[in-house]
């Protein structure tokens, strides 16, 4: 039996998807310890495409989870952070 590659057409804002993936991967690289790991996976679910970025970083503590979605809010002081505070809210 032959395997055929099924071609599909994806209709989306490519620039927006690129920016979301860049933000998620950047955050994973920024917060994952040197001996940690980052996994990026793509899978098809029916007609949808699922993209996952998982890492072994510390994650977001439950106490600040809601605040972390506010634009420009940062868990670290702005003087120590090299970020606009838009990466996470933009990605979710």
Protein backbone atom coordinates (compact mmCIF):
# COMPACT_ATOMS: atom_id res chain seq x y z
CA UNK A 1 0.00 0.00 0.00
CA UNK A 2 1.36 3.42 -0.95
CA UNK A 3 1.42 6.40 1.36
CA UNK A 4 0.33 9.64 -0.25
CA UNK A 5 1.10 13.06 1.12
CA UNK A 6 -2.21 14.86 1.41
CA UNK A 7 -1.92 18.49 0.44
CA UNK A 8 -4.06 20.99 2.25
CA UNK A 9 -4.64 24.69 1.96
CA UNK A 10 -4.26 26.71 5.13
CA UNK A 11 -6.14 29.98 5.26
CA UNK A 12 -4.80 32.26 7.97
CA UNK A 13 -2.79 35.38 8.61
CA UNK A 14 0.71 33.97 8.12
CA UNK A 15 2.40 36.99 9.72
CA UNK A 16 0.20 36.69 12.81
CA UNK A 17 0.93 32.96 13.16
CA UNK A 18 4.67 33.63 12.74
CA UNK A 19 4.60 36.29 15.48
CA UNK A 20 2.67 34.03 17.88
CA UNK A 21 5.13 31.17 17.34
CA UNK A 22 8.10 33.51 17.74
CA UNK A 23 6.71 34.79 21.04
CA UNK A 24 5.98 31.32 22.41
CA UNK A 25 9.40 29.95 21.39
CA UNK A 26 11.19 33.07 22.65
CA UNK A 27 9.50 32.73 26.06
CA UNK A 28 10.37 29.02 26.17
CA UNK A 29 14.03 29.80 25.39
CA UNK A 30 14.09 32.65 27.90
CA UNK A 31 12.67 30.71 30.85
CA UNK A 32 13.79 27.11 30.29
CA UNK A 33 16.88 26.17 32.32
CA UNK A 34 20.05 25.26 30.45
CA UNK A 35 19.52 21.56 31.20
CA UNK A 36 15.81 21.74 30.28
CA UNK A 37 14.05 20.96 27.04
CA UNK A 38 11.69 22.61 24.58
CA UNK A 39 9.33 20.66 22.33
CA UNK A 40 7.48 22.03 19.32
CA UNK A 41 4.87 19.72 17.81
CA UNK A 42 2.44 20.05 14.93
CA UNK A 43 -0.53 17.73 14.52
CA UNK A 44 -3.72 17.61 12.51
CA UNK A 45 -7.06 17.32 14.28
CA UNK A 46 -9.76 16.91 11.65
CA UNK A 47 -9.54 19.99 9.46
CA UNK A 48 -7.59 21.95 12.07
CA UNK A 49 -3.88 22.23 12.69
CA UNK A 50 -2.60 22.16 16.27
CA UNK A 51 0.77 23.67 17.14
CA UNK A 52 2.17 23.09 20.62
CA UNK A 53 5.18 24.66 22.31
CA UNK A 54 6.06 22.93 25.58
CA UNK A 55 9.05 23.50 27.82
CA UNK A 56 10.45 22.49 31.18
CA UNK A 57 10.63 26.05 32.51
CA UNK A 58 9.08 27.05 35.82
CA UNK A 59 5.73 28.04 34.31
CA UNK A 60 3.48 30.80 35.52
CA UNK A 61 2.65 30.66 39.23
CA UNK A 62 -1.12 30.43 39.85
CA UNK A 63 -0.92 33.60 41.96
CA UNK A 64 -0.07 35.72 38.90
CA UNK A 65 -1.72 33.67 36.16
CA UNK A 66 -4.56 36.15 35.51
CA UNK A 67 -2.28 39.20 35.66
CA UNK A 68 0.10 37.60 33.16
CA UNK A 69 -2.53 38.07 30.44
CA UNK A 70 -2.66 41.87 30.89
CA UNK A 71 -0.82 43.75 28.14
CA UNK A 72 2.51 45.26 29.26
CA UNK A 73 2.36 43.62 32.71
CA UNK A 74 5.58 41.85 33.70
CA UNK A 75 6.36 39.56 36.61
CA UNK A 76 9.94 40.86 36.76
CA UNK A 77 10.76 44.52 37.35
CA UNK A 78 10.96 46.45 34.07
CA UNK A 79 14.57 47.43 34.83
CA UNK A 80 15.56 43.73 34.75
CA UNK A 81 13.26 42.56 31.98
CA UNK A 82 14.15 42.76 28.29
CA UNK A 83 10.58 42.55 27.12
CA UNK A 84 7.62 44.67 26.12
CA UNK A 85 5.22 42.56 28.20
CA UNK A 86 3.23 41.74 25.06
CA UNK A 87 4.56 38.28 24.14
CA UNK A 88 2.37 36.10 26.32
CA UNK A 89 -0.90 38.12 26.09
CA UNK A 90 -0.46 38.31 22.33
CA UNK A 91 0.10 34.56 21.97
CA UNK A 92 -2.91 33.33 23.93
